[in-house]
Amino acid sequence: MLNAGRVLSKAQILDHVWKFDFQGDSGIVETYVYYLRRKLDGPDGQLIRTVRGAGYLLRTAT
């Protein structure tokens, strides 16, 4: 929520959430974004948007 309106790459999310020593696949970010979308998206549309080639964007409140 602190980065609403800012595009974050998968690498940035991995580093912040799972720390630098995480040995897993970056596909884990896609999996958890999917889980979050299922919980957060409503009739107003997507809260988390994919920015192709850049990362993910958390939409700001309107």
N, C-alpha and C. Protein backbone atom coordinates (compact mmCIF):
# COMPACT_ATOMS: atom_id res chain seq x y z
N MET A 1 0.81 -1.19 0.00
CA MET A 1 0.00 0.00 0.00
C MET A 1 0.87 1.27 0.00
N LEU A 2 2.06 1.15 0.52
CA LEU A 2 2.95 2.32 0.53
C LEU A 2 3.41 2.70 -0.87
N ASN A 3 3.34 1.76 -1.81
CA ASN A 3 3.80 2.01 -3.17
C ASN A 3 2.65 2.12 -4.16
N ALA A 4 1.49 2.47 -3.70
CA ALA A 4 0.33 2.61 -4.61
C ALA A 4 0.65 3.65 -5.68
N GLY A 5 0.32 3.31 -6.92
CA GLY A 5 0.57 4.21 -8.03
C GLY A 5 1.97 4.10 -8.61
N ARG A 6 2.78 3.19 -8.07
CA ARG A 6 4.16 3.02 -8.52
C ARG A 6 4.33 1.59 -9.04
N VAL A 7 4.97 1.42 -10.18
CA VAL A 7 5.21 0.09 -10.75
C VAL A 7 6.38 -0.55 -10.01
N LEU A 8 6.15 -1.79 -9.54
CA LEU A 8 7.21 -2.56 -8.89
C LEU A 8 7.49 -3.80 -9.72
N SER A 9 8.75 -4.07 -9.95
CA SER A 9 9.13 -5.26 -10.71
C SER A 9 9.02 -6.50 -9.83
N LYS A 10 9.03 -7.66 -10.46
CA LYS A 10 9.00 -8.92 -9.70
C LYS A 10 10.22 -9.00 -8.79
N ALA A 11 11.38 -8.57 -9.29
CA ALA A 11 12.61 -8.62 -8.49
C ALA A 11 12.48 -7.74 -7.24
N GLN A 12 11.90 -6.56 -7.39
CA GLN A 12 11.71 -5.67 -6.23
C GLN A 12 10.78 -6.31 -5.20
N ILE A 13 9.71 -6.93 -5.69
CA ILE A 13 8.77 -7.58 -4.77
C ILE A 13 9.44 -8.76 -4.07
N LEU A 14 10.17 -9.57 -4.83
CA LEU A 14 10.89 -10.70 -4.24
C LEU A 14 11.86 -10.23 -3.16
N ASP A 15 12.64 -9.21 -3.46
CA ASP A 15 13.63 -8.71 -2.50
C ASP A 15 12.97 -8.17 -1.24
N HIS A 16 11.85 -7.51 -1.38
CA HIS A 16 11.20 -6.91 -0.22
C HIS A 16 10.43 -7.92 0.61
N VAL A 17 9.72 -8.82 -0.04
CA VAL A 17 8.85 -9.75 0.69
C VAL A 17 9.60 -10.99 1.15
N TRP A 18 10.39 -11.61 0.25
CA TRP A 18 11.06 -12.86 0.59
C TRP A 18 12.54 -12.67 0.89
N LYS A 19 13.01 -11.47 0.90
CA LYS A 19 14.39 -11.09 1.22
C LYS A 19 15.38 -11.57 0.16
N PHE A 20 16.62 -11.13 0.28
CA PHE A 20 17.65 -11.36 -0.73
C PHE A 20 18.11 -12.82 -0.80
N ASP A 21 18.00 -13.57 0.28
CA ASP A 21 18.53 -14.93 0.31
C ASP A 21 17.52 -15.98 -0.15
N PHE A 22 16.40 -15.56 -0.72
CA PHE A 22 15.39 -16.50 -1.21
C PHE A 22 15.93 -17.25 -2.41
N GLN A 23 15.85 -18.57 -2.39
CA GLN A 23 16.40 -19.40 -3.46
C GLN A 23 15.33 -19.93 -4.41
N GLY A 24 14.10 -19.49 -4.27
CA GLY A 24 13.00 -19.99 -5.08
C GLY A 24 12.89 -19.31 -6.44
N ASP A 25 11.83 -19.65 -7.13
CA ASP A 25 11.56 -19.15 -8.47
C ASP A 25 10.79 -17.84 -8.39
N SER A 26 11.01 -16.94 -9.35
CA SER A 26 10.29 -15.67 -9.35
C SER A 26 8.81 -15.86 -9.68
N GLY A 27 8.43 -17.06 -10.13
CA GLY A 27 7.04 -17.38 -10.41
C GLY A 27 6.17 -17.31 -9.16
N ILE A 28 6.80 -17.34 -7.99
CA ILE A 28 6.04 -17.25 -6.74
C ILE A 28 5.34 -15.89 -6.63
N VAL A 29 5.94 -14.86 -7.21
CA VAL A 29 5.30 -13.53 -7.20
C VAL A 29 4.01 -13.58 -8.00
N GLU A 30 4.04 -14.20 -9.17
CA GLU A 30 2.84 -14.32 -9.99
C GLU A 30 1.74 -15.09 -9.24
N THR A 31 2.13 -16.14 -8.54
CA THR A 31 1.17 -16.95 -7.79
C THR A 31 0.49 -16.11 -6.71
N TYR A 32 1.26 -15.36 -5.95
CA TYR A 32 0.68 -14.57 -4.86
C TYR A 32 -0.10 -13.36 -5.37
N VAL A 33 0.30 -12.81 -6.49
CA VAL A 33 -0.49 -11.73 -7.10
C VAL A 33 -1.85 -12.29 -7.51
N TYR A 34 -1.86 -13.50 -8.05
CA TYR A 34 -3.11 -14.16 -8.40
C TYR A 34 -4.01 -14.33 -7.17
N TYR A 35 -3.43 -14.81 -6.06
CA TYR A 35 -4.20 -14.98 -4.81
C TYR A 35 -4.77 -13.64 -4.34
N LEU A 36 -3.93 -12.60 -4.37
CA LEU A 36 -4.38 -11.27 -3.93
C LEU A 36 -5.50 -10.74 -4.81
N ARG A 37 -5.37 -10.94 -6.12
CA ARG A 37 -6.43 -10.49 -7.02
C ARG A 37 -7.74 -11.16 -6.72
N ARG A 38 -7.71 -12.45 -6.44
CA ARG A 38 -8.95 -13.18 -6.11
C ARG A 38 -9.61 -12.61 -4.86
N LYS A 39 -8.81 -12.15 -3.91
CA LYS A 39 -9.35 -11.62 -2.66
C LYS A 39 -9.74 -10.16 -2.74
N LEU A 40 -9.02 -9.37 -3.52
CA LEU A 40 -9.19 -7.92 -3.50
C LEU A 40 -10.02 -7.33 -4.63
N ASP A 41 -10.02 -7.97 -5.79
CA ASP A 41 -10.75 -7.39 -6.92
C ASP A 41 -12.25 -7.44 -6.69
N GLY A 42 -12.89 -6.37 -7.04
CA GLY A 42 -14.32 -6.27 -6.86
C GLY A 42 -15.00 -5.71 -8.08
N PRO A 43 -16.20 -5.18 -7.89
CA PRO A 43 -16.96 -4.64 -9.01
C PRO A 43 -16.31 -3.40 -9.64
N ASP A 44 -15.41 -2.76 -8.94
CA ASP A 44 -14.74 -1.57 -9.46
C ASP A 44 -13.59 -1.90 -10.40
N GLY A 45 -13.29 -3.18 -10.57
CA GLY A 45 -12.20 -3.58 -11.47
C GLY A 45 -11.01 -4.09 -10.70
N GLN A 46 -9.90 -4.17 -11.41
CA GLN A 46 -8.69 -4.71 -10.82
C GLN A 46 -7.98 -3.70 -9.94
N LEU A 47 -7.60 -4.14 -8.75
CA LEU A 47 -6.82 -3.30 -7.84
C LEU A 47 -5.34 -3.39 -8.20
N ILE A 48 -4.91 -4.60 -8.60
CA ILE A 48 -3.52 -4.82 -8.99
C ILE A 48 -3.49 -4.97 -10.51
N ARG A 49 -2.70 -4.15 -11.16
CA ARG A 49 -2.60 -4.19 -12.62
C ARG A 49 -1.22 -4.68 -13.03
N THR A 50 -1.19 -5.44 -14.10
CA THR A 50 0.08 -5.89 -14.67
C THR A 50 0.52 -4.88 -15.71
N VAL A 51 1.75 -4.41 -15.58
CA VAL A 51 2.34 -3.50 -16.56
C VAL A 51 3.35 -4.35 -17.32
N ARG A 52 2.99 -4.69 -18.54
CA ARG A 52 3.82 -5.60 -19.34
C ARG A 52 5.26 -5.12 -19.47
N GLY A 53 6.17 -6.03 -19.16
CA GLY A 53 7.59 -5.73 -19.28
C GLY A 53 8.15 -4.92 -18.12
N ALA A 54 7.29 -4.55 -17.16
CA ALA A 54 7.77 -3.71 -16.06
C ALA A 54 7.47 -4.32 -14.69
N GLY A 55 6.26 -4.81 -14.47
CA GLY A 55 5.93 -5.36 -13.16
C GLY A 55 4.46 -5.19 -12.83
N TYR A 56 4.19 -4.83 -11.59
CA TYR A 56 2.83 -4.71 -11.10
C TYR A 56 2.60 -3.32 -10.52
N LEU A 57 1.36 -2.87 -10.65
CA LEU A 57 0.97 -1.55 -10.18
C LEU A 57 -0.26 -1.69 -9.30
N LEU A 58 -0.21 -1.14 -8.10
CA LEU A 58 -1.36 -1.11 -7.21
C LEU A 58 -2.10 0.18 -7.48
N ARG A 59 -3.33 0.05 -7.91
CA ARG A 59 -4.13 1.22 -8.26
C ARG A 59 -4.41 2.08 -7.02
N THR A 60 -4.38 3.38 -7.20
CA THR A 60 -4.69 4.30 -6.10
C THR A 60 -6.21 4.44 -5.99
N ALA A 61 -6.68 4.80 -4.83
CA ALA A 61 -8.11 4.99 -4.61
C ALA A 61 -8.59 6.20 -5.41
N THR A 62 -9.80 6.07 -5.97
CA THR A 62 -10.36 7.19 -6.74
C THR A 62 -11.58 7.73 -6.08
